[in-house]
Amino acid sequence: MIAHWQGKRVLVTGAGGFIGSHLTERLVALGATTRAFVHYRGDGGWGWLEHSTMKEDVEVVLGDITDRDSVLQAMQDMEVVFHLAALIAIPYSYQAPLSFLQTNAQGTLNVLQAARTRGVERVVHTSTSEVYGTARYVPIDEAHPLQAQSPYAASKIAADKLTEAFALSYGLPVVTVRPFNTYGPRQSARAIIPTIATQCLTDGKVRLGNLTPRRDLNYVDDTVEGFLRAATAPQAVGRTINLGFGRAVSIEELTKLIATLAGKPVQIEQDEERMRPAGSEVEQLVADNRLARELLEWEPSVPLEEGLQRTIEWIQGHLDVYRPGLYVV
């Protein structure tokens, strides 16, 4: 693995985000010549890369994934592209569906067109388990029907299908990885685990929406390893591959587990503001990860309890970046 990445010219879109920053750091550690495409902000910030001990070893390019020219310029001389840039907050997608379509679908189209123009060796495109909707059967394999239960999911299905079209129409060497719920240090407050953990650590009450949905949780280091293997496995080209643990836990069970690990007895309260529209709630996601095991020789290595403990400890040391108790859309 290390020898493959030594000196490899790699672009990561969405590199300032949660998974993107971890992936960028891992690529640098492996010896890749790494360019980070980070969403332009007025303060010139680099997202989580701003705080990285490896930021001096990364070429940071500020831009907007919806701007075709900036994407094309960022991809110059690149051999491998990891495309993670996206809007991902499901509740916000109810309020701003056009923004999600522009960022997730148009942005992906820009990446695919630029990759074709630049002649890159491989594009690893990031999907999401949300495209499956509520499971019709479990575990969910890659042949499971797609169902958009939120504008976010619809925008990601569009992005996935554009990626599929470029593979079949133009022979673009792409791989679509479909992570189930990734968690770990640096995840934003709009995600369920930081939402629970910050409230556990600061209050005797945890306010949540629906407690019954079941999610398949995968620690960020394992997800990053799946991305790296998707970029190197010859047989992965043209395929869509689930990255999930294969174990589901309900939101209520997850809350009790986090409270136990944090050593904080809590009271769970349902908050109407946090409830999603009934038809939009995805009730169950459980990954069938056999294809990842077969094609990528990948399997998750961090047990849920261990990953949660690492995450809780990180959040406890970084509570200043969160606003516990405030509902973040």
C-alpha atoms as a PDB file:
ATOM      1  CA  MET A   1       0.000   0.000   0.000  1.00  0.00           C
ATOM      2  CA  ILE A   2       2.737   2.493   0.968  1.00  0.00           C
ATOM      3  CA  ALA A   3       4.784   1.856  -2.170  1.00  0.00           C
ATOM      4  CA  HIS A   4       1.738   2.472  -4.372  1.00  0.00           C
ATOM      5  CA  TRP A   5       1.140   5.956  -2.975  1.00  0.00           C
ATOM      6  CA  GLN A   6       4.737   7.210  -2.839  1.00  0.00           C
ATOM      7  CA  GLY A   7       4.817  10.327  -5.025  1.00  0.00           C
ATOM      8  CA  LYS A   8       1.328   9.665  -6.422  1.00  0.00           C
ATOM      9  CA  ARG A   9      -0.374  12.914  -7.416  1.00  0.00           C
ATOM     10  CA  VAL A  10      -3.729  12.932  -5.672  1.00  0.00           C
ATOM     11  CA  LEU A  11      -6.612  15.408  -5.408  1.00  0.00           C
ATOM     12  CA  VAL A  12      -9.147  15.244  -2.583  1.00  0.00           C
ATOM     13  CA  THR A  13     -12.301  17.343  -2.974  1.00  0.00           C
ATOM     14  CA  GLY A  14     -14.034  18.212   0.271  1.00  0.00           C
ATOM     15  CA  ALA A  15     -10.668  17.840   1.983  1.00  0.00           C
ATOM     16  CA  GLY A  16     -11.534  20.274   4.766  1.00  0.00           C
ATOM     17  CA  GLY A  17     -14.427  18.152   5.960  1.00  0.00           C
ATOM     18  CA  PHE A  18     -14.755  15.279   8.403  1.00  0.00           C
ATOM     19  CA  ILE A  19     -13.842  12.253   6.278  1.00  0.00           C
ATOM     20  CA  GLY A  20     -11.915  14.326   3.734  1.00  0.00           C
ATOM     21  CA  SER A  21      -9.446  15.674   6.296  1.00  0.00           C
ATOM     22  CA  HIS A  22      -8.742  12.196   7.672  1.00  0.00           C
ATOM     23  CA  LEU A  23      -8.244  10.859   4.146  1.00  0.00           C
ATOM     24  CA  THR A  24      -5.941  13.739   3.232  1.00  0.00           C
ATOM     25  CA  GLU A  25      -3.764  13.142   6.277  1.00  0.00           C
ATOM     26  CA  ARG A  26      -3.577   9.429   5.546  1.00  0.00           C
ATOM     27  CA  LEU A  27      -2.476  10.096   1.958  1.00  0.00           C
ATOM     28  CA  VAL A  28       0.262  12.436   3.162  1.00  0.00           C
ATOM     29  CA  ALA A  29       1.417   9.791   5.654  1.00  0.00           C
ATOM     30  CA  LEU A  30       1.610   7.276   2.791  1.00  0.00           C
ATOM     31  CA  GLY A  31       3.827   9.610   0.776  1.00  0.00           C
ATOM     32  CA  ALA A  32       1.329  10.875  -1.789  1.00  0.00           C
ATOM     33  CA  THR A  33       1.731  14.325  -3.313  1.00  0.00           C
ATOM     34  CA  THR A  34      -1.600  15.589  -2.033  1.00  0.00           C
ATOM     35  CA  ARG A  35      -3.688  18.519  -3.244  1.00  0.00           C
ATOM     36  CA  ALA A  36      -6.696  19.478  -1.122  1.00  0.00           C
ATOM     37  CA  PHE A  37      -9.679  21.168  -2.769  1.00  0.00           C
ATOM     38  CA  VAL A  38     -11.366  23.136   0.028  1.00  0.00           C
ATOM     39  CA  HIS A  39     -14.544  25.168  -0.207  1.00  0.00           C
ATOM     40  CA  TYR A  40     -13.739  28.874  -0.404  1.00  0.00           C
ATOM     41  CA  ARG A  41     -14.640  30.891   2.668  1.00  0.00           C
ATOM     42  CA  GLY A  42     -14.300  34.601   3.215  1.00  0.00           C
ATOM     43  CA  ASP A  43     -11.808  34.082   6.034  1.00  0.00           C
ATOM     44  CA  GLY A  44      -9.651  31.817   3.857  1.00  0.00           C
ATOM     45  CA  GLY A  45     -10.080  28.938   6.301  1.00  0.00           C
ATOM     46  CA  TRP A  46      -9.182  25.343   5.441  1.00  0.00           C
ATOM     47  CA  GLY A  47     -11.804  23.566   7.563  1.00  0.00           C
ATOM     48  CA  TRP A  48     -10.342  20.765   9.675  1.00  0.00           C
ATOM     49  CA  LEU A  49      -7.067  20.937   7.748  1.00  0.00           C
ATOM     50  CA  GLU A  50      -6.521  24.274   9.474  1.00  0.00           C
ATOM     51  CA  HIS A  51      -5.745  22.328  12.652  1.00  0.00           C
ATOM     52  CA  SER A  52      -3.841  19.459  11.068  1.00  0.00           C
ATOM     53  CA  THR A  53      -0.233  18.747  12.011  1.00  0.00           C
ATOM     54  CA  MET A  54       0.276  17.825   8.343  1.00  0.00           C
ATOM     55  CA  LYS A  55      -1.077  21.001   6.769  1.00  0.00           C
ATOM     56  CA  GLU A  56       2.382  22.134   5.681  1.00  0.00           C
ATOM     57  CA  ASP A  57       2.656  18.985   3.555  1.00  0.00           C
ATOM     58  CA  VAL A  58      -0.604  19.599   1.663  1.00  0.00           C
ATOM     59  CA  GLU A  59      -1.203  21.888  -1.293  1.00  0.00           C
ATOM     60  CA  VAL A  60      -4.490  23.592  -0.483  1.00  0.00           C
ATOM     61  CA  VAL A  61      -6.613  24.995  -3.312  1.00  0.00           C
ATOM     62  CA  LEU A  62      -9.654  27.088  -2.412  1.00  0.00           C
ATOM     63  CA  GLY A  63     -12.639  26.932  -4.745  1.00  0.00           C
ATOM     64  CA  ASP A  64     -16.215  25.836  -5.238  1.00  0.00           C
ATOM     65  CA  ILE A  65     -17.191  22.403  -6.526  1.00  0.00           C
ATOM     66  CA  THR A  66     -20.061  23.992  -8.472  1.00  0.00           C
ATOM     67  CA  ASP A  67     -17.600  26.140 -10.446  1.00  0.00           C
ATOM     68  CA  ARG A  68     -16.420  24.100 -13.444  1.00  0.00           C
ATOM     69  CA  ASP A  69     -13.303  26.169 -14.077  1.00  0.00           C
ATOM     70  CA  SER A  70     -11.953  25.947 -10.542  1.00  0.00           C
ATOM     71  CA  VAL A  71     -12.481  22.171 -10.519  1.00  0.00           C
ATOM     72  CA  LEU A  72     -10.721  21.780 -13.866  1.00  0.00           C
ATOM     73  CA  GLN A  73      -7.794  23.878 -12.663  1.00  0.00           C
ATOM     74  CA  ALA A  74      -7.504  21.954  -9.387  1.00  0.00           C
ATOM     75  CA  MET A  75      -7.316  18.672 -11.282  1.00  0.00           C
ATOM     76  CA  GLN A  76      -4.357  19.656 -13.452  1.00  0.00           C
ATOM     77  CA  ASP A  77      -1.553  17.034 -13.328  1.00  0.00           C
ATOM     78  CA  MET A  78      -3.506  14.790 -10.955  1.00  0.00           C
ATOM     79  CA  GLU A  79      -3.449  10.998 -11.272  1.00  0.00           C
ATOM     80  CA  VAL A  80      -6.117   9.992  -8.726  1.00  0.00           C
ATOM     81  CA  VAL A  81      -9.158  11.957  -7.552  1.00  0.00           C
ATOM     82  CA  PHE A  82     -11.124  11.291  -4.377  1.00  0.00           C
ATOM     83  CA  HIS A  83     -14.414  13.170  -4.685  1.00  0.00           C
ATOM     84  CA  LEU A  84     -15.947  13.853  -1.271  1.00  0.00           C
ATOM     85  CA  ALA A  85     -17.187  17.446  -1.630  1.00  0.00           C
ATOM     86  CA  ALA A  86     -20.916  17.529  -0.858  1.00  0.00           C
ATOM     87  CA  LEU A  87     -23.717  19.066   1.138  1.00  0.00           C
ATOM     88  CA  ILE A  88     -24.755  16.320   3.558  1.00  0.00           C
ATOM     89  CA  ALA A  89     -27.150  17.667   6.207  1.00  0.00           C
ATOM     90  CA  ILE A  90     -30.460  15.896   5.582  1.00  0.00           C
ATOM     91  CA  PRO A  91     -32.716  18.280   7.578  1.00  0.00           C
ATOM     92  CA  TYR A  92     -31.230  21.276   5.761  1.00  0.00           C
ATOM     93  CA  SER A  93     -32.013  19.612   2.435  1.00  0.00           C
ATOM     94  CA  TYR A  94     -35.728  20.059   3.211  1.00  0.00           C
ATOM     95  CA  GLN A  95     -35.107  23.812   3.337  1.00  0.00           C
ATOM     96  CA  ALA A  96     -32.649  24.225   0.463  1.00  0.00           C
ATOM     97  CA  PRO A  97     -33.106  21.399  -2.065  1.00  0.00           C
ATOM     98  CA  LEU A  98     -31.686  23.387  -4.977  1.00  0.00           C
ATOM     99  CA  SER A  99     -28.417  23.920  -3.110  1.00  0.00           C
ATOM    100  CA  PHE A 100     -28.089  20.171  -2.695  1.00  0.00           C
ATOM    101  CA  LEU A 101     -28.792  19.507  -6.351  1.00  0.00           C
ATOM    102  CA  GLN A 102     -26.257  22.100  -7.444  1.00  0.00           C
ATOM    103  CA  THR A 103     -23.512  20.977  -5.060  1.00  0.00           C
ATOM    104  CA  ASN A 104     -23.991  17.226  -5.148  1.00  0.00           C
ATOM    105  CA  ALA A 105     -25.136  16.630  -8.731  1.00  0.00           C
ATOM    106  CA  GLN A 106     -23.695  19.588 -10.666  1.00  0.00           C
ATOM    107  CA  GLY A 107     -20.547  19.443  -8.562  1.00  0.00           C
ATOM    108  CA  THR A 108     -20.085  15.758  -9.353  1.00  0.00           C
ATOM    109  CA  LEU A 109     -20.671  16.433 -13.054  1.00  0.00           C
ATOM    110  CA  ASN A 110     -17.904  19.048 -12.915  1.00  0.00           C
ATOM    111  CA  VAL A 111     -15.542  16.510 -11.327  1.00  0.00           C
ATOM    112  CA  LEU A 112     -16.358  13.844 -13.916  1.00  0.00           C
ATOM    113  CA  GLN A 113     -15.942  16.181 -16.858  1.00  0.00           C
ATOM    114  CA  ALA A 114     -12.664  17.536 -15.505  1.00  0.00           C
ATOM    115  CA  ALA A 115     -11.375  14.017 -14.860  1.00  0.00           C
ATOM    116  CA  ARG A 116     -12.192  13.049 -18.418  1.00  0.00           C
ATOM    117  CA  THR A 117     -10.463  16.151 -19.770  1.00  0.00           C
ATOM    118  CA  ARG A 118      -7.402  15.658 -17.583  1.00  0.00           C
ATOM    119  CA  GLY A 119      -7.153  11.926 -18.275  1.00  0.00           C
ATOM    120  CA  VAL A 120      -6.893  10.888 -14.614  1.00  0.00           C
ATOM    121  CA  GLU A 121      -6.153   7.257 -13.773  1.00  0.00           C
ATOM    122  CA  ARG A 122      -9.064   6.825 -11.379  1.00  0.00           C
ATOM    123  CA  VAL A 123     -11.894   8.736  -9.706  1.00  0.00           C
ATOM    124  CA  VAL A 124     -13.264   7.485  -6.386  1.00  0.00           C
ATOM    125  CA  HIS A 125     -16.754   8.952  -6.023  1.00  0.00           C
ATOM    126  CA  THR A 126     -18.478   9.128  -2.633  1.00  0.00           C
ATOM    127  CA  SER A 127     -22.056   7.926  -2.395  1.00  0.00           C
ATOM    128  CA  THR A 128     -24.083   7.311   0.793  1.00  0.00           C
ATOM    129  CA  SER A 129     -26.238   4.546   2.238  1.00  0.00           C
ATOM    130  CA  GLU A 130     -29.106   7.079   2.336  1.00  0.00           C
ATOM    131  CA  VAL A 131     -29.689   6.379  -1.379  1.00  0.00           C
ATOM    132  CA  TYR A 132     -31.203   3.010  -0.429  1.00  0.00           C
ATOM    133  CA  GLY A 133     -33.970   4.508   1.708  1.00  0.00           C
ATOM    134  CA  THR A 134     -35.563   2.257   4.325  1.00  0.00           C
ATOM    135  CA  ALA A 135     -34.219  -1.249   3.803  1.00  0.00           C
ATOM    136  CA  ARG A 136     -36.514  -3.583   1.869  1.00  0.00           C
ATOM    137  CA  TYR A 137     -34.285  -6.437   2.982  1.00  0.00           C
ATOM    138  CA  VAL A 138     -31.234  -6.738   5.205  1.00  0.00           C
ATOM    139  CA  PRO A 139     -28.357  -6.769   4.953  1.00  0.00           C
ATOM    140  CA  ILE A 140     -28.436  -4.278   2.072  1.00  0.00           C
ATOM    141  CA  ASP A 141     -26.298  -5.242  -0.910  1.00  0.00           C
ATOM    142  CA  GLU A 142     -25.389  -3.025  -3.857  1.00  0.00           C
ATOM    143  CA  ALA A 143     -28.318  -4.381  -5.917  1.00  0.00           C
ATOM    144  CA  HIS A 144     -30.860  -3.009  -3.427  1.00  0.00           C
ATOM    145  CA  PRO A 145     -33.304  -0.565  -5.090  1.00  0.00           C
ATOM    146  CA  LEU A 146     -32.607   3.144  -4.654  1.00  0.00           C
ATOM    147  CA  GLN A 147     -35.248   5.323  -3.019  1.00  0.00           C
ATOM    148  CA  ALA A 148     -34.882   9.048  -2.369  1.00  0.00           C
ATOM    149  CA  GLN A 149     -36.550   9.785   0.964  1.00  0.00           C
ATOM    150  CA  SER A 150     -35.008  13.268   1.216  1.00  0.00           C
ATOM    151  CA  PRO A 151     -33.793  15.906  -1.232  1.00  0.00           C
ATOM    152  CA  TYR A 152     -30.281  15.029  -0.041  1.00  0.00           C
ATOM    153  CA  ALA A 153     -30.729  11.397  -1.041  1.00  0.00           C
ATOM    154  CA  ALA A 154     -32.166  12.453  -4.404  1.00  0.00           C
ATOM    155  CA  SER A 155     -29.145  14.646  -5.117  1.00  0.00           C
ATOM    156  CA  LYS A 156     -26.775  11.796  -4.250  1.00  0.00           C
ATOM    157  CA  ILE A 157     -28.663   9.330  -6.439  1.00  0.00           C
ATOM    158  CA  ALA A 158     -28.298  11.832  -9.282  1.00  0.00           C
ATOM    159  CA  ALA A 159     -24.553  12.057  -8.584  1.00  0.00           C
ATOM    160  CA  ASP A 160     -24.226   8.267  -8.491  1.00  0.00           C
ATOM    161  CA  LYS A 161     -26.044   7.887 -11.787  1.00  0.00           C
ATOM    162  CA  LEU A 162     -23.925  10.558 -13.447  1.00  0.00           C
ATOM    163  CA  THR A 163     -20.850   8.632 -12.303  1.00  0.00           C
ATOM    164  CA  GLU A 164     -22.307   5.413 -13.688  1.00  0.00           C
ATOM    165  CA  ALA A 165     -23.098   7.151 -16.974  1.00  0.00           C
ATOM    166  CA  PHE A 166     -19.548   8.462 -17.377  1.00  0.00           C
ATOM    167  CA  ALA A 167     -18.181   4.970 -16.756  1.00  0.00           C
ATOM    168  CA  LEU A 168     -20.463   3.376 -19.339  1.00  0.00           C
ATOM    169  CA  SER A 169     -20.545   6.192 -21.902  1.00  0.00           C
ATOM    170  CA  TYR A 170     -16.937   7.340 -21.852  1.00  0.00           C
ATOM    171  CA  GLY A 171     -15.054   4.528 -20.146  1.00  0.00           C
ATOM    172  CA  LEU A 172     -14.026   6.859 -17.323  1.00  0.00           C
ATOM    173  CA  PRO A 173     -12.218   4.771 -14.663  1.00  0.00           C
ATOM    174  CA  VAL A 174     -14.470   5.413 -11.676  1.00  0.00           C
ATOM    175  CA  VAL A 175     -15.318   3.591  -8.479  1.00  0.00           C
ATOM    176  CA  THR A 176     -18.317   4.526  -6.331  1.00  0.00           C
ATOM    177  CA  VAL A 177     -17.913   3.833  -2.631  1.00  0.00           C
ATOM    178  CA  ARG A 178     -21.084   3.861  -0.573  1.00  0.00           C
ATOM    179  CA  PRO A 179     -20.245   4.470   3.093  1.00  0.00           C
ATOM    180  CA  PHE A 180     -22.830   3.706   5.713  1.00  0.00           C
ATOM    181  CA  ASN A 181     -22.855   6.004   8.747  1.00  0.00           C
ATOM    182  CA  THR A 182     -19.248   7.025   9.373  1.00  0.00           C
ATOM    183  CA  TYR A 183     -18.367   8.497  12.765  1.00  0.00           C
ATOM    184  CA  GLY A 184     -15.269   9.628  14.642  1.00  0.00           C
ATOM    185  CA  PRO A 185     -13.244  12.711  15.631  1.00  0.00           C
ATOM    186  CA  ARG A 186     -14.084  15.971  13.791  1.00  0.00           C
ATOM    187  CA  GLN A 187     -17.636  15.002  12.850  1.00  0.00           C
ATOM    188  CA  SER A 188     -19.977  17.982  12.888  1.00  0.00           C
ATOM    189  CA  ALA A 189     -22.690  18.600  15.435  1.00  0.00           C
ATOM    190  CA  ARG A 190     -25.429  17.876  12.903  1.00  0.00           C
ATOM    191  CA  ALA A 191     -24.552  14.150  13.026  1.00  0.00           C
ATOM    192  CA  ILE A 192     -26.183  11.819  15.534  1.00  0.00           C
ATOM    193  CA  ILE A 193     -23.141  10.694  17.562  1.00  0.00           C
ATOM    194  CA  PRO A 194     -21.787  14.211  18.292  1.00  0.00           C
ATOM    195  CA  THR A 195     -25.371  15.285  19.027  1.00  0.00           C
ATOM    196  CA  ILE A 196     -25.715  12.575  21.651  1.00  0.00           C
ATOM    197  CA  ALA A 197     -22.184  12.793  23.028  1.00  0.00           C
ATOM    198  CA  THR A 198     -22.104  16.567  23.513  1.00  0.00           C
ATOM    199  CA  GLN A 199     -25.390  16.469  25.406  1.00  0.00           C
ATOM    200  CA  CYS A 200     -24.250  13.499  27.503  1.00  0.00           C
ATOM    201  CA  LEU A 201     -21.070  15.304  28.478  1.00  0.00           C
ATOM    202  CA  THR A 202     -22.707  18.617  29.385  1.00  0.00           C
ATOM    203  CA  ASP A 203     -26.283  17.937  30.483  1.00  0.00           C
ATOM    204  CA  GLY A 204     -28.411  15.358  32.245  1.00  0.00           C
ATOM    205  CA  LYS A 205     -30.796  15.279  29.291  1.00  0.00           C
ATOM    206  CA  VAL A 206     -30.384  14.147  25.687  1.00  0.00           C
ATOM    207  CA  ARG A 207     -32.915  15.650  23.292  1.00  0.00           C
ATOM    208  CA  LEU A 208     -33.460  13.668  20.105  1.00  0.00           C
ATOM    209  CA  GLY A 209     -35.960  13.040  17.338  1.00  0.00           C
ATOM    210  CA  ASN A 210     -37.052   9.535  16.371  1.00  0.00           C
ATOM    211  CA  LEU A 211     -35.423   6.905  18.582  1.00  0.00           C
ATOM    212  CA  THR A 212     -36.268   3.784  16.561  1.00  0.00           C
ATOM    213  CA  PRO A 213     -34.222   4.110  13.318  1.00  0.00           C
ATOM    214  CA  ARG A 214     -31.344   1.643  13.125  1.00  0.00           C
ATOM    215  CA  ARG A 215     -27.977   2.603  11.685  1.00  0.00           C
ATOM    216  CA  ASP A 216     -24.826   0.766  10.612  1.00  0.00           C
ATOM    217  CA  LEU A 217     -21.902   2.686  12.124  1.00  0.00           C
ATOM    218  CA  ASN A 218     -18.360   2.563  10.770  1.00  0.00           C
ATOM    219  CA  TYR A 219     -15.342   4.267  12.360  1.00  0.00           C
ATOM    220  CA  VAL A 220     -13.664   6.888  10.166  1.00  0.00           C
ATOM    221  CA  ASP A 221     -10.289   5.101   9.965  1.00  0.00           C
ATOM    222  CA  ASP A 222     -12.005   2.062   8.478  1.00  0.00           C
ATOM    223  CA  THR A 223     -13.910   4.200   5.976  1.00  0.00           C
ATOM    224  CA  VAL A 224     -10.658   5.892   4.894  1.00  0.00           C
ATOM    225  CA  GLU A 225      -9.033   2.492   4.399  1.00  0.00           C
ATOM    226  CA  GLY A 226     -11.946   1.529   2.160  1.00  0.00           C
ATOM    227  CA  PHE A 227     -11.402   4.644   0.034  1.00  0.00           C
ATOM    228  CA  LEU A 228      -7.714   3.877  -0.381  1.00  0.00           C
ATOM    229  CA  ARG A 229      -8.374   0.294  -1.414  1.00  0.00           C
ATOM    230  CA  ALA A 230     -11.066   1.418  -3.874  1.00  0.00           C
ATOM    231  CA  ALA A 231      -8.418   3.573  -5.544  1.00  0.00           C
ATOM    232  CA  THR A 232      -5.962   0.700  -5.975  1.00  0.00           C
ATOM    233  CA  ALA A 233      -7.946  -2.510  -6.549  1.00  0.00           C
ATOM    234  CA  PRO A 234      -7.983  -3.264 -10.310  1.00  0.00           C
ATOM    235  CA  GLN A 235     -11.288  -5.134 -10.164  1.00  0.00           C
ATOM    236  CA  ALA A 236     -13.077  -2.209  -8.479  1.00  0.00           C
ATOM    237  CA  VAL A 237     -13.248  -0.023 -11.596  1.00  0.00           C
ATOM    238  CA  GLY A 238     -16.807   0.567 -12.709  1.00  0.00           C
ATOM    239  CA  ARG A 239     -18.280  -0.903  -9.518  1.00  0.00           C
ATOM    240  CA  THR A 240     -20.327   0.464  -6.621  1.00  0.00           C
ATOM    241  CA  ILE A 241     -19.160  -0.887  -3.269  1.00  0.00           C
ATOM    242  CA  ASN A 242     -20.703  -0.679   0.204  1.00  0.00           C
ATOM    243  CA  LEU A 243     -18.473   0.315   3.105  1.00  0.00           C
ATOM    244  CA  GLY A 244     -20.288  -0.679   6.274  1.00  0.00           C
ATOM    245  CA  PHE A 245     -19.779  -2.668   9.446  1.00  0.00           C
ATOM    246  CA  GLY A 246     -22.718  -5.028   8.994  1.00  0.00           C
ATOM    247  CA  ARG A 247     -24.215  -4.365  12.418  1.00  0.00           C
ATOM    248  CA  ALA A 248     -27.147  -2.070  13.193  1.00  0.00           C
ATOM    249  CA  VAL A 249     -28.018  -0.249  16.401  1.00  0.00           C
ATOM    250  CA  SER A 250     -31.084   1.873  17.165  1.00  0.00           C
ATOM    251  CA  ILE A 251     -30.753   5.536  18.113  1.00  0.00           C
ATOM    252  CA  GLU A 252     -32.076   4.740  21.585  1.00  0.00           C
ATOM    253  CA  GLU A 253     -29.591   1.883  22.047  1.00  0.00           C
ATOM    254  CA  LEU A 254     -26.800   4.109  20.747  1.00  0.00           C
ATOM    255  CA  THR A 255     -27.702   6.851  23.234  1.00  0.00           C
ATOM    256  CA  LYS A 256     -27.610   4.444  26.170  1.00  0.00           C
ATOM    257  CA  LEU A 257     -24.279   3.014  25.009  1.00  0.00           C
ATOM    258  CA  ILE A 258     -22.684   6.462  24.658  1.00  0.00           C
ATOM    259  CA  ALA A 259     -23.989   7.486  28.083  1.00  0.00           C
ATOM    260  CA  THR A 260     -22.484   4.341  29.611  1.00  0.00           C
ATOM    261  CA  LEU A 261     -19.121   4.867  27.920  1.00  0.00           C
ATOM    262  CA  ALA A 262     -19.113   8.523  28.983  1.00  0.00           C
ATOM    263  CA  GLY A 263     -20.035   7.577  32.529  1.00  0.00           C
ATOM    264  CA  LYS A 264     -22.946  10.008  32.479  1.00  0.00           C
ATOM    265  CA  PRO A 265     -26.461   8.912  33.505  1.00  0.00           C
ATOM    266  CA  VAL A 266     -28.888  10.720  31.214  1.00  0.00           C
ATOM    267  CA  GLN A 267     -32.574  11.171  30.558  1.00  0.00           C
ATOM    268  CA  ILE A 268     -33.694  10.803  26.943  1.00  0.00           C
ATOM    269  CA  GLU A 269     -36.312  13.262  25.698  1.00  0.00           C
ATOM    270  CA  GLN A 270     -37.956  13.379  22.286  1.00  0.00           C
ATOM    271  CA  ASP A 271     -37.915  16.825  20.703  1.00  0.00           C
ATOM    272  CA  GLU A 272     -40.548  17.590  18.062  1.00  0.00           C
ATOM    273  CA  GLU A 273     -38.199  20.070  16.355  1.00  0.00           C
ATOM    274  CA  ARG A 274     -35.790  17.207  15.635  1.00  0.00           C
ATOM    275  CA  MET A 275     -38.396  14.868  14.126  1.00  0.00           C
ATOM    276  CA  ARG A 276     -38.171  14.310  10.375  1.00  0.00           C
ATOM    277  CA  PRO A 277     -41.228  14.088   8.114  1.00  0.00           C
ATOM    278  CA  ALA A 278     -42.691  10.587   8.472  1.00  0.00           C
ATOM    279  CA  GLY A 279     -42.101   9.584   4.864  1.00  0.00           C
ATOM    280  CA  SER A 280     -38.552  10.907   4.942  1.00  0.00           C
ATOM    281  CA  GLU A 281     -37.232   8.897   7.887  1.00  0.00           C
ATOM    282  CA  VAL A 282     -35.048   5.987   6.822  1.00  0.00           C
ATOM    283  CA  GLU A 283     -35.902   3.324   9.368  1.00  0.00           C
ATOM    284  CA  GLN A 284     -33.135   0.786   8.889  1.00  0.00           C
ATOM    285  CA  LEU A 285     -29.712   0.589   7.251  1.00  0.00           C
ATOM    286  CA  VAL A 286     -27.541  -2.503   7.584  1.00  0.00           C
ATOM    287  CA  ALA A 287     -24.668  -3.079   5.164  1.00  0.00           C
ATOM    288  CA  ASP A 288     -23.868  -6.217   3.258  1.00  0.00           C
ATOM    289  CA  ASN A 289     -20.119  -5.682   2.893  1.00  0.00           C
ATOM    290  CA  ARG A 290     -19.268  -8.908   1.084  1.00  0.00           C
ATOM    291  CA  LEU A 291     -18.365  -7.117  -2.154  1.00  0.00           C
ATOM    292  CA  ALA A 292     -15.864  -4.894  -0.323  1.00  0.00           C
ATOM    293  CA  ARG A 293     -14.328  -7.982   1.253  1.00  0.00           C
ATOM    294  CA  GLU A 294     -14.115  -9.681  -2.140  1.00  0.00           C
ATOM    295  CA  LEU A 295     -12.964  -6.833  -4.400  1.00  0.00           C
ATOM    296  CA  LEU A 296     -11.036  -4.652  -1.955  1.00  0.00           C
ATOM    297  CA  GLU A 297      -9.982  -7.193   0.660  1.00  0.00           C
ATOM    298  CA  TRP A 298     -11.438  -4.681   3.112  1.00  0.00           C
ATOM    299  CA  GLU A 299     -13.214  -5.267   6.374  1.00  0.00           C
ATOM    300  CA  PRO A 300     -13.895  -2.991   9.346  1.00  0.00           C
ATOM    301  CA  SER A 301     -11.422  -3.397  12.183  1.00  0.00           C
ATOM    302  CA  VAL A 302     -12.626  -0.997  14.889  1.00  0.00           C
ATOM    303  CA  PRO A 303     -15.475  -2.365  17.065  1.00  0.00           C
ATOM    304  CA  LEU A 304     -18.330   0.045  17.785  1.00  0.00           C
ATOM    305  CA  GLU A 305     -17.577   0.350  21.488  1.00  0.00           C
ATOM    306  CA  GLU A 306     -13.902   1.130  20.849  1.00  0.00           C
ATOM    307  CA  GLY A 307     -14.683   3.656  18.124  1.00  0.00           C
ATOM    308  CA  LEU A 308     -17.264   5.373  20.297  1.00  0.00           C
ATOM    309  CA  GLN A 309     -14.816   5.601  23.195  1.00  0.00           C
ATOM    310  CA  ARG A 310     -12.220   7.256  20.956  1.00  0.00           C
ATOM    311  CA  THR A 311     -14.844   9.646  19.620  1.00  0.00           C
ATOM    312  CA  ILE A 312     -16.224  10.585  23.035  1.00  0.00           C
ATOM    313  CA  GLU A 313     -12.732  11.332  24.326  1.00  0.00           C
ATOM    314  CA  TRP A 314     -12.011  13.544  21.318  1.00  0.00           C
ATOM    315  CA  ILE A 315     -15.316  15.411  21.663  1.00  0.00           C
ATOM    316  CA  GLN A 316     -14.693  15.925  25.384  1.00  0.00           C
ATOM    317  CA  GLY A 317     -11.424  17.621  24.531  1.00  0.00           C
ATOM    318  CA  HIS A 318     -13.016  19.781  21.832  1.00  0.00           C
ATOM    319  CA  LEU A 319     -16.342  20.857  23.311  1.00  0.00           C
ATOM    320  CA  ASP A 320     -15.445  24.426  22.373  1.00  0.00           C
ATOM    321  CA  VAL A 321     -16.194  23.643  18.709  1.00  0.00           C
ATOM    322  CA  TYR A 322     -19.714  22.442  19.544  1.00  0.00           C
ATOM    323  CA  ARG A 323     -22.826  24.087  20.943  1.00  0.00           C
ATOM    324  CA  PRO A 324     -24.312  21.334  23.130  1.00  0.00           C
ATOM    325  CA  GLY A 325     -28.089  21.255  23.303  1.00  0.00           C
ATOM    326  CA  LEU A 326     -28.590  23.519  20.291  1.00  0.00           C
ATOM    327  CA  TYR A 327     -30.278  21.764  17.399  1.00  0.00           C
ATOM    328  CA  VAL A 328     -27.974  22.066  14.394  1.00  0.00           C
ATOM    329  CA  VAL A 329     -29.814  21.615  11.090  1.00  0.00           C
END
